[in-house]
Protein backbone atom coordinates (compact mmCIF):
# COMPACT_ATOMS: atom_id res chain seq x y z
CA UNK A 1 6.82 -31.86 -38.28
CA UNK A 2 6.59 -31.61 -34.71
CA UNK A 3 4.08 -29.35 -32.39
CA UNK A 4 5.26 -27.92 -29.44
CA UNK A 5 4.12 -27.60 -26.19
CA UNK A 6 4.58 -26.02 -22.84
CA UNK A 7 6.10 -28.54 -20.34
CA UNK A 8 6.99 -26.39 -17.32
CA UNK A 9 6.33 -23.16 -16.01
CA UNK A 10 7.82 -21.12 -13.57
CA UNK A 11 7.43 -17.42 -12.17
CA UNK A 12 9.31 -15.05 -9.75
CA UNK A 13 8.37 -11.40 -8.17
CA UNK A 14 10.43 -9.68 -5.62
CA UNK A 15 9.33 -9.83 -2.11
CA UNK A 16 8.92 -5.85 -1.82
CA UNK A 17 5.24 -4.98 -2.27
CA UNK A 18 4.60 -1.11 -3.32
CA UNK A 19 1.20 -0.26 -2.83
CA UNK A 20 -0.76 2.71 -4.32
CA UNK A 21 -0.35 4.53 -0.87
CA UNK A 22 3.51 3.87 -1.06
CA UNK A 23 3.37 5.67 -4.37
CA UNK A 24 1.17 8.62 -3.09
CA UNK A 25 3.89 9.47 -0.48
CA UNK A 26 6.07 10.17 -3.66
CA UNK A 27 3.96 11.88 -5.80
CA UNK A 28 0.54 13.78 -6.35
CA UNK A 29 -1.57 10.75 -6.64
CA UNK A 30 -3.91 8.56 -4.60
CA UNK A 31 -5.09 4.73 -4.18
CA UNK A 32 -8.51 5.62 -5.74
CA UNK A 33 -6.99 7.33 -8.63
CA UNK A 34 -4.57 4.76 -9.92
CA UNK A 35 -7.54 1.89 -9.43
CA UNK A 36 -10.00 4.02 -11.52
CA UNK A 37 -7.63 4.37 -14.21
CA UNK A 38 -5.94 0.81 -14.38
CA UNK A 39 -7.02 -1.58 -11.84
CA UNK A 40 -3.67 -1.68 -10.06
CA UNK A 41 -3.63 -1.89 -6.18
CA UNK A 42 0.03 -2.68 -5.65
CA UNK A 43 2.86 -4.16 -7.44
CA UNK A 44 6.48 -5.60 -6.77
CA UNK A 45 9.97 -3.66 -6.84
CA UNK A 46 13.57 -4.69 -6.65
CA UNK A 47 15.04 -3.37 -3.57
CA UNK A 48 19.01 -2.38 -3.31
CA UNK A 49 20.73 -5.46 -1.90
CA UNK A 50 18.08 -7.97 -2.55
CA UNK A 51 20.28 -9.74 -5.46
CA UNK A 52 17.65 -9.17 -8.04
CA UNK A 53 17.95 -7.90 -11.66
CA UNK A 54 16.36 -8.85 -14.75
CA UNK A 55 18.62 -11.78 -15.57
CA UNK A 56 18.81 -13.44 -12.25
CA UNK A 57 14.93 -13.00 -11.65
CA UNK A 58 14.59 -14.56 -15.13
CA UNK A 59 17.00 -17.46 -13.89
CA UNK A 60 14.70 -18.10 -10.95
CA UNK A 61 11.61 -18.45 -12.90
CA UNK A 62 13.18 -21.11 -15.15
CA UNK A 63 14.56 -23.09 -12.34
CA UNK A 64 11.06 -23.54 -11.63
CA UNK A 65 10.08 -24.00 -14.98
CA UNK A 66 12.70 -26.51 -15.51
CA UNK A 67 11.68 -28.50 -12.50
CA UNK A 68 8.31 -28.64 -13.29
CA UNK A 69 9.01 -30.12 -16.79
CA UNK A 70 11.47 -32.73 -15.54
CA UNK A 71 14.02 -31.38 -17.78
CA UNK A 72 17.69 -30.54 -16.58
CA UNK A 73 19.07 -27.29 -17.31
CA UNK A 74 21.82 -29.30 -19.50
CA UNK A 75 19.21 -30.76 -21.86
CA UNK A 76 17.74 -26.84 -23.04
CA UNK A 77 19.18 -26.57 -26.83
CA UNK A 78 18.39 -22.82 -27.01
CA UNK A 79 17.40 -20.12 -24.57
CA UNK A 80 15.01 -17.00 -25.84
CA UNK A 81 14.82 -14.00 -23.20
CA UNK A 82 12.59 -11.50 -23.99
CA UNK A 83 12.59 -7.82 -21.88
CA UNK A 84 12.82 -4.07 -22.70
CA UNK A 85 14.92 -3.80 -19.19
CA UNK A 86 18.29 -5.81 -19.58
CA UNK A 87 21.25 -5.56 -17.01
CA UNK A 88 23.12 -4.11 -19.61
CA UNK A 89 23.09 -2.53 -23.15
CA UNK A 90 24.85 -5.44 -24.43
CA UNK A 91 25.64 -8.12 -23.59
CA UNK A 92 21.93 -9.36 -23.52
CA UNK A 93 20.40 -11.20 -20.48
CA UNK A 94 20.04 -14.51 -22.10
CA UNK A 95 23.82 -15.44 -21.96
CA UNK A 96 23.58 -14.47 -18.37
CA UNK A 97 20.84 -17.26 -17.71
CA UNK A 98 23.13 -19.39 -19.56
CA UNK A 99 25.62 -18.94 -17.27
CA UNK A 100 23.67 -18.46 -13.80
CA UNK A 101 21.86 -22.00 -14.58
CA UNK A 102 25.42 -23.61 -15.76
CA UNK A 103 24.40 -24.84 -18.87
CA UNK A 104 26.62 -26.13 -21.49
CA UNK A 105 27.73 -23.39 -24.41
CA UNK A 106 23.95 -23.07 -25.81
CA UNK A 107 22.63 -20.53 -28.06
CA UNK A 108 21.26 -17.59 -26.56
CA UNK A 109 18.54 -15.15 -28.10
CA UNK A 110 17.18 -12.18 -26.89
CA UNK A 111 13.91 -10.32 -28.17
CA UNK A 112 13.07 -6.93 -27.73
CA UNK A 113 9.66 -6.74 -28.22
CA UNK A 114 8.59 -5.06 -25.10
CA UNK A 115 5.03 -5.95 -23.96
CA UNK A 116 4.23 -8.68 -26.89
CA UNK A 117 7.94 -9.74 -25.95
CA UNK A 118 6.81 -13.03 -24.59
CA UNK A 119 4.31 -13.94 -27.61
CA UNK A 120 7.30 -13.22 -29.97
CA UNK A 121 9.94 -15.12 -27.66
CA UNK A 122 7.46 -18.02 -27.78
CA UNK A 123 6.45 -18.24 -31.43
CA UNK A 124 10.45 -18.05 -32.13
CA UNK A 125 10.66 -20.99 -29.80
CA UNK A 126 8.09 -22.95 -31.19
CA UNK A 127 9.22 -22.49 -35.22
CA UNK A 128 12.75 -24.02 -33.84
CA UNK A 129 10.72 -27.01 -32.60
CA UNK A 130 8.55 -27.22 -35.58
CA UNK A 131 11.50 -27.47 -37.77
CA UNK A 132 13.31 -29.74 -36.01
CA UNK A 133 16.25 -28.13 -35.35
CA UNK A 134 15.91 -28.01 -31.41
CA UNK A 135 13.89 -30.11 -28.88
CA UNK A 136 13.78 -28.07 -25.78
CA UNK A 137 13.80 -24.60 -25.79
CA UNK A 138 13.81 -21.84 -22.61
CA UNK A 139 11.55 -19.10 -22.68
CA UNK A 140 11.64 -16.12 -20.33
CA UNK A 141 10.07 -12.61 -19.88
CA UNK A 142 11.68 -10.54 -16.92
CA UNK A 143 11.60 -6.80 -16.20
CA UNK A 144 13.11 -4.45 -14.06
CA UNK A 145 11.15 -1.48 -14.47
CA UNK A 146 11.32 0.30 -11.20
CA UNK A 147 14.83 1.04 -11.82
CA UNK A 148 14.13 3.08 -14.61
CA UNK A 149 11.08 5.37 -13.61
CA UNK A 150 10.21 8.80 -12.66
CA UNK A 151 8.92 8.58 -9.35
CA UNK A 152 7.64 12.29 -9.03
CA UNK A 153 4.49 13.84 -10.05
CA UNK A 154 5.93 14.32 -13.46
CA UNK A 155 6.10 10.74 -14.32
CA UNK A 156 2.93 9.35 -12.32
CA UNK A 157 1.03 8.36 -15.63
CA UNK A 158 3.53 5.94 -16.47
CA UNK A 159 5.28 5.27 -13.15
CA UNK A 160 1.99 3.74 -11.42
CA UNK A 161 1.61 1.50 -13.73
CA UNK A 162 5.00 -1.05 -13.75
CA UNK A 163 5.77 -3.47 -11.79
CA UNK A 164 9.11 -6.03 -11.78
CA UNK A 165 9.27 -9.91 -12.22
CA UNK A 166 9.60 -12.64 -14.18
CA UNK A 167 8.10 -15.92 -15.90
CA UNK A 168 9.42 -18.91 -18.07
CA UNK A 169 8.39 -21.45 -19.99
CA UNK A 170 10.05 -24.88 -21.20
CA UNK A 171 8.90 -25.75 -24.46
CA UNK A 172 9.45 -29.31 -25.59
CA UNK A 173 8.51 -31.51 -28.75
CA UNK A 174 4.90 -32.66 -29.19
CA UNK A 175 4.37 -35.22 -31.48
CA UNK A 176 0.38 -35.27 -31.44
CA UNK A 177 -0.08 -32.22 -33.99
CA UNK A 178 -3.78 -31.60 -32.42
CA UNK A 179 -1.99 -30.67 -29.21
CA UNK A 180 0.51 -27.74 -28.00
CA UNK A 181 1.02 -24.79 -29.60
CA UNK A 182 -1.31 -24.82 -32.67
CA UNK A 183 -0.41 -21.28 -34.22
CA UNK A 184 1.26 -17.80 -33.73
CA UNK A 185 0.29 -14.33 -35.23
CA UNK A 186 2.68 -11.57 -34.96
CA UNK A 187 2.14 -7.80 -36.16
CA UNK A 188 3.78 -4.56 -35.85
CA UNK A 189 2.99 -1.02 -37.06
CA UNK A 190 6.19 1.41 -36.64
CA UNK A 191 4.38 4.56 -37.62
CA UNK A 192 3.25 4.59 -34.01
CA UNK A 193 6.41 3.73 -32.47
CA UNK A 194 6.99 7.04 -30.22
CA UNK A 195 3.42 7.29 -28.86
CA UNK A 196 5.15 4.55 -26.17
CA UNK A 197 8.63 4.78 -26.13
CA UNK A 198 12.05 5.37 -23.83
CA UNK A 199 14.06 7.42 -26.45
CA UNK A 200 17.40 7.67 -24.95
CA UNK A 201 19.73 7.17 -23.71
CA UNK A 202 20.32 5.93 -27.16
CA UNK A 203 22.81 6.01 -30.24
CA UNK A 204 20.58 8.83 -31.31
CA UNK A 205 20.85 10.87 -28.03
CA UNK A 206 23.48 9.71 -25.85
CA UNK A 207 24.09 10.97 -22.32
CA UNK A 208 25.98 14.51 -22.70
CA UNK A 209 23.35 15.58 -25.06
CA UNK A 210 20.49 14.60 -22.64
CA UNK A 211 22.29 16.30 -19.83
CA UNK A 212 22.59 19.48 -21.72
CA UNK A 213 18.88 19.91 -21.80
CA UNK A 214 16.76 21.97 -19.36
CA UNK A 215 15.74 19.48 -16.63
CA UNK A 216 12.09 20.93 -16.91
CA UNK A 217 11.61 19.44 -20.13
CA UNK A 218 10.45 16.04 -20.66
CA UNK A 219 13.16 14.01 -19.65
CA UNK A 220 13.48 11.09 -22.72
CA UNK A 221 15.29 8.29 -20.51
CA UNK A 222 12.14 8.19 -18.66
CA UNK A 223 9.19 6.16 -20.73
CA UNK A 224 6.69 8.30 -22.30
CA UNK A 225 3.24 6.94 -23.43
CA UNK A 226 0.34 8.64 -25.00
CA UNK A 227 -2.55 6.72 -22.69
CA UNK A 228 -5.54 7.36 -24.63
CA UNK A 229 -3.91 6.70 -27.94
CA UNK A 230 -2.36 3.29 -26.94
CA UNK A 231 -5.78 2.33 -25.16
CA UNK A 232 -7.74 2.72 -28.57
CA UNK A 233 -5.29 0.69 -30.62
CA UNK A 234 -4.81 -2.03 -28.24
CA UNK A 235 -8.50 -2.74 -27.94
CA UNK A 236 -8.62 -2.93 -31.36
CA UNK A 237 -5.60 -5.00 -32.13
CA UNK A 238 -6.38 -7.38 -28.91
CA UNK A 239 -9.46 -8.30 -30.68
CA UNK A 240 -8.01 -8.73 -34.15
CA UNK A 241 -5.48 -10.83 -33.39
CA UNK A 242 -7.36 -13.16 -30.95
CA UNK A 243 -10.06 -13.47 -33.92
CA UNK A 244 -7.05 -14.01 -36.13
CA UNK A 245 -5.94 -17.57 -34.31
CA UNK A 246 -9.56 -18.38 -33.64
CA UNK A 247 -10.32 -18.14 -37.58
CA UNK A 248 -6.89 -20.14 -38.19
CA UNK A 249 -7.87 -23.16 -35.91
CA UNK A 250 -11.45 -23.29 -37.05
CA UNK A 251 -12.73 -21.87 -33.71
CA UNK A 252 -15.10 -19.17 -32.11
CA UNK A 253 -14.97 -17.13 -29.09
CA UNK A 254 -17.51 -19.76 -27.50
CA UNK A 255 -14.70 -22.24 -27.68
CA UNK A 256 -12.19 -20.14 -25.43
CA UNK A 257 -11.40 -22.05 -22.31
CA UNK A 258 -9.01 -19.29 -20.97
CA UNK A 259 -7.92 -16.01 -22.52
CA UNK A 260 -4.94 -14.72 -20.85
CA UNK A 261 -3.73 -11.30 -22.01
CA UNK A 262 -0.90 -9.24 -21.43
CA UNK A 263 -1.39 -7.48 -18.09
CA UNK A 264 -1.24 -3.63 -19.74
CA UNK A 265 -4.40 -2.46 -18.03
CA UNK A 266 -7.44 -3.82 -16.27
CA UNK A 267 -9.88 -1.47 -18.48
CA UNK A 268 -8.20 -2.95 -21.56
CA UNK A 269 -8.68 -6.51 -20.37
CA UNK A 270 -12.21 -6.12 -19.51
CA UNK A 271 -13.00 -4.43 -22.74
CA UNK A 272 -11.63 -7.51 -24.60
CA UNK A 273 -13.62 -9.75 -22.38
CA UNK A 274 -16.68 -7.88 -23.08
CA UNK A 275 -16.03 -7.85 -26.85
CA UNK A 276 -15.88 -11.71 -26.80
CA UNK A 277 -18.67 -12.13 -24.50
CA UNK A 278 -16.47 -14.08 -22.04
CA UNK A 279 -17.46 -15.04 -18.28
CA UNK A 280 -14.92 -14.14 -15.59
CA UNK A 281 -13.30 -17.94 -15.62
CA UNK A 282 -12.67 -17.67 -19.01
CA UNK A 283 -10.04 -14.66 -18.68
CA UNK A 284 -7.19 -14.72 -16.30
CA UNK A 285 -5.94 -11.02 -14.72
CA UNK A 286 -3.79 -10.45 -12.44
CA UNK A 287 -2.57 -7.05 -12.75
CA UNK A 288 -4.32 -5.79 -9.62
CA UNK A 289 -1.40 -7.36 -7.85
CA UNK A 290 1.50 -7.15 -10.08
CA UNK A 291 1.20 -4.02 -12.24
CA UNK A 292 2.35 -3.89 -15.77
CA UNK A 293 5.66 -6.51 -16.16
CA UNK A 294 5.56 -6.36 -19.80
CA UNK A 295 7.37 -9.10 -21.14
CA UNK A 296 7.11 -11.15 -17.77
CA UNK A 297 2.94 -10.57 -17.29
CA UNK A 298 1.93 -13.04 -19.56
CA UNK A 299 4.17 -15.71 -18.39
CA UNK A 300 3.22 -14.93 -14.56
CA UNK A 301 -0.04 -14.99 -15.23
CA UNK A 302 0.09 -18.29 -17.36
CA UNK A 303 1.90 -19.69 -14.20
CA UNK A 304 -0.74 -18.81 -11.91
CA UNK A 305 -3.91 -19.76 -13.69
CA UNK A 306 -2.04 -23.20 -14.13
CA UNK A 307 -1.11 -23.24 -10.56
CA UNK A 308 -4.75 -22.62 -9.62
CA UNK A 309 -6.40 -25.51 -11.80
CA UNK A 310 -7.69 -22.79 -14.36
CA UNK A 311 -5.75 -24.57 -17.38
CA UNK A 312 -6.84 -28.20 -17.72
CA UNK A 313 -5.60 -30.93 -20.27
CA UNK A 314 -7.52 -30.47 -23.57
CA UNK A 315 -8.70 -26.50 -22.66
CA UNK A 316 -8.35 -23.88 -25.58
CA UNK A 317 -5.78 -21.35 -24.24
CA UNK A 318 -5.66 -18.05 -26.09
CA UNK A 319 -2.23 -15.68 -25.41
CA UNK A 320 -2.64 -12.05 -26.65
CA UNK A 321 -0.47 -8.92 -26.08
CA UNK A 322 -0.22 -5.31 -27.29
CA UNK A 323 2.31 -2.84 -26.55
CA UNK A 324 5.34 -0.59 -28.15
CA UNK A 325 6.41 -0.53 -31.33
CA UNK A 326 3.42 -0.85 -32.08
CA UNK A 327 3.56 -4.80 -31.95
CA UNK A 328 1.09 -7.15 -31.18
CA UNK A 329 0.55 -10.76 -31.28
CA UNK A 330 -1.64 -14.02 -30.22
CA UNK A 331 -0.99 -17.82 -29.44
CA UNK A 332 -3.30 -20.32 -29.52
CA UNK A 333 -2.79 -23.62 -27.64
CA UNK A 334 -4.27 -26.75 -26.93
CA UNK A 335 -3.33 -27.70 -23.61
């Protein structure tokens, strides 16, 4: 069996910067309130007419990753695209990337695991390479949140958190089994599904039914989050799944060179950092600049950390995420 390794990384975010003060003009909030609860100072939002969508941002990030991997788009054997905000209900964004990058008729797989999407996608790609079925796999996480948020005071608890952007990784074979992706660990707990969810429109509740509702009620086509409940579960599951990866590979917290958590809330990352007694140089956060970009958050942060030289050959790298579903997961990588 082979291992898989990350051969190239890329990220793309829209140029339009939306600050906390910008949001305060649209809803009853302020910069101090947002920073205290989330750590976020600004985020990127798609602007009408800028040519960006979930699929096109994913393709832009993928082009950068392919160039850095020195792998031609024609040599990719599989696309795995993670998002909660596809351009269409169907088809998925994977086939759009196949067309945008002018690839041959490669298979395209879409992953719908929200904040844990990139970890699930990475794990899926890793398995295809480990079994020898494919050699090169393109993994993308991309989100257009701004097109579906409630920018009124009613929606502020959710809408101030999220931003748009994309990240991508090219995975390829690694014959040295002591390097690359050493293990991935995935979990779910569906009994809490509606604690962080967007209920409709869906086959459970189509548009005509929604339009008949009293507009003063909670609107199901905007995201709902039970913030305190999600926070409590997140810090618990983050710790569990990081420890699971460490134990699987005979490592301890002292062996972590870099932890890149899903950028859900700076307070969650700080809590996890404290639990594992990590220095600021052992954890990478960028939520203050991009907000929560869901499936894109880990690949964007991973790309930035690598670009800044914070990840070096031989480092023990841990990726970890928790989100809607509830789902959570981790990946242990020897860089």
